[in-house]
Amino acid sequence: MNQKVHVKTGDTVIILSGKDRGKEGKVLAVSPKEGKLIVEGCNLVTKHVRPRRMGEQGGIVKAEGAMYACKVQLVCPHCSKATRIAHDVDGDKKVRVCKKCGKSL
């Protein structure tokens, strides 16, 4: 299921559905093969961590879980609105463009 994902690492996104609906965050990691991504501070899950070395402490840790890319929408850095992405050819490069304000991302 090797598909493209409409967001890249470092983009700011808004969550459209789920328990964190309406939250904004930065994309930390993208997995195009699964169609999932990890957003900073959203979809927090609790993990039980074992101590790996002597003296290291284990316990319950909160970490960001992966979510489907279709549940998020990119936020334009210029107009700061949630928007879809258009593609435009600038010389010999393909550029991502905001559908609302028309500026390149």
Protein backbone atom coordinates (compact mmCIF):
# COMPACT_ATOMS: atom_id res chain seq x y z
CA MET A 1 0.00 0.00 0.00
CA ASN A 2 2.78 2.40 -0.96
CA GLN A 3 0.89 5.69 -1.17
CA LYS A 4 1.80 9.36 -0.96
CA VAL A 5 1.00 11.40 2.12
CA HIS A 6 -0.04 15.06 1.73
CA VAL A 7 2.06 16.29 4.68
CA LYS A 8 5.79 16.31 5.35
CA THR A 9 7.86 16.21 8.52
CA GLY A 10 7.93 19.67 10.13
CA ASP A 11 4.54 20.82 8.78
CA THR A 12 1.93 22.28 11.15
CA VAL A 13 -1.36 20.39 10.99
CA ILE A 14 -4.80 20.52 12.62
CA ILE A 15 -6.59 17.33 13.66
CA LEU A 16 -10.02 16.86 12.06
CA SER A 17 -11.42 13.88 13.98
CA GLY A 18 -10.89 11.83 17.10
CA LYS A 19 -10.35 12.68 20.75
CA ASP A 20 -7.87 15.48 19.89
CA ARG A 21 -10.09 17.19 17.30
CA GLY A 22 -9.18 20.87 16.84
CA LYS A 23 -5.64 20.60 18.24
CA GLU A 24 -2.71 21.92 16.25
CA GLY A 25 0.72 20.36 16.27
CA LYS A 26 3.93 19.82 14.36
CA VAL A 27 4.47 16.61 12.37
CA LEU A 28 7.34 14.64 13.94
CA ALA A 29 7.41 11.59 11.65
CA VAL A 30 5.63 10.35 8.52
CA SER A 31 5.19 6.74 7.39
CA PRO A 32 3.91 6.76 3.79
CA LYS A 33 3.87 2.96 3.60
CA GLU A 34 1.23 2.77 6.36
CA GLY A 35 -0.34 6.16 5.58
CA LYS A 36 0.27 7.31 9.16
CA LEU A 37 2.05 10.13 10.94
CA ILE A 38 2.98 11.26 14.45
CA VAL A 39 1.89 14.73 15.63
CA GLU A 40 3.63 16.50 18.52
CA GLY A 41 1.50 16.57 21.69
CA CYS A 42 -1.48 14.75 20.15
CA ASN A 43 -2.83 11.19 20.39
CA LEU A 44 -0.93 10.53 23.62
CA VAL A 45 -0.74 6.89 24.68
CA THR A 46 0.69 5.36 27.85
CA LYS A 47 3.59 2.94 27.44
CA HIS A 48 4.98 0.63 30.08
CA VAL A 49 8.76 0.90 29.87
CA ARG A 50 11.18 -1.59 31.38
CA PRO A 51 14.55 -0.44 32.72
CA ARG A 52 17.19 -1.40 30.14
CA ARG A 53 20.39 -0.76 32.12
CA MET A 54 21.39 -0.96 35.77
CA GLY A 55 20.24 2.13 37.63
CA GLU A 56 17.80 3.20 34.89
CA GLN A 57 14.23 3.61 36.02
CA GLY A 58 11.23 2.04 34.34
CA GLY A 59 7.61 3.05 34.65
CA ILE A 60 4.65 4.38 32.72
CA VAL A 61 5.55 6.94 30.05
CA LYS A 62 3.27 9.10 27.89
CA ALA A 63 4.24 9.14 24.20
CA GLU A 64 2.69 10.26 20.92
CA GLY A 65 0.98 7.49 18.96
CA ALA A 66 0.65 7.25 15.19
CA MET A 67 -2.57 8.38 13.49
CA TYR A 68 -3.88 8.16 9.95
CA ALA A 69 -2.89 11.01 7.65
CA CYS A 70 -6.49 11.41 6.42
CA LYS A 71 -7.45 12.66 9.90
CA VAL A 72 -5.26 15.78 9.66
CA GLN A 73 -5.22 18.86 7.45
CA LEU A 74 -2.29 21.15 6.75
CA VAL A 75 -2.27 24.66 8.25
CA CYS A 76 -0.90 27.34 5.88
CA PRO A 77 1.92 29.33 7.53
CA HIS A 78 0.92 32.51 5.63
CA CYS A 79 -2.88 32.71 6.14
CA SER A 80 -2.91 30.33 9.18
CA LYS A 81 -6.01 28.49 7.92
CA ALA A 82 -6.55 24.76 7.48
CA THR A 83 -6.20 24.11 3.77
CA ARG A 84 -5.82 21.50 1.07
CA ILE A 85 -2.68 21.42 -1.05
CA ALA A 86 -2.43 22.24 -4.73
CA HIS A 87 0.66 21.62 -6.82
CA ASP A 88 2.22 24.17 -9.13
CA VAL A 89 5.24 23.93 -11.44
CA ASP A 90 7.80 26.64 -10.72
CA GLY A 91 10.49 26.38 -13.40
CA ASP A 92 11.57 22.75 -13.18
CA LYS A 93 10.35 22.16 -9.60
CA LYS A 94 6.96 20.98 -8.39
CA VAL A 95 5.86 23.21 -5.48
CA ARG A 96 3.10 22.79 -2.89
CA VAL A 97 0.64 25.70 -2.91
CA CYS A 98 -2.09 26.78 -0.45
CA LYS A 99 -5.58 26.46 -1.98
CA LYS A 100 -6.90 29.44 0.03
CA CYS A 101 -4.24 32.17 -0.33
CA GLY A 102 -2.24 30.80 -3.29
CA LYS A 103 1.19 31.18 -1.70
CA SER A 104 3.78 28.38 -1.83
CA LEU A 105 4.36 26.33 1.30
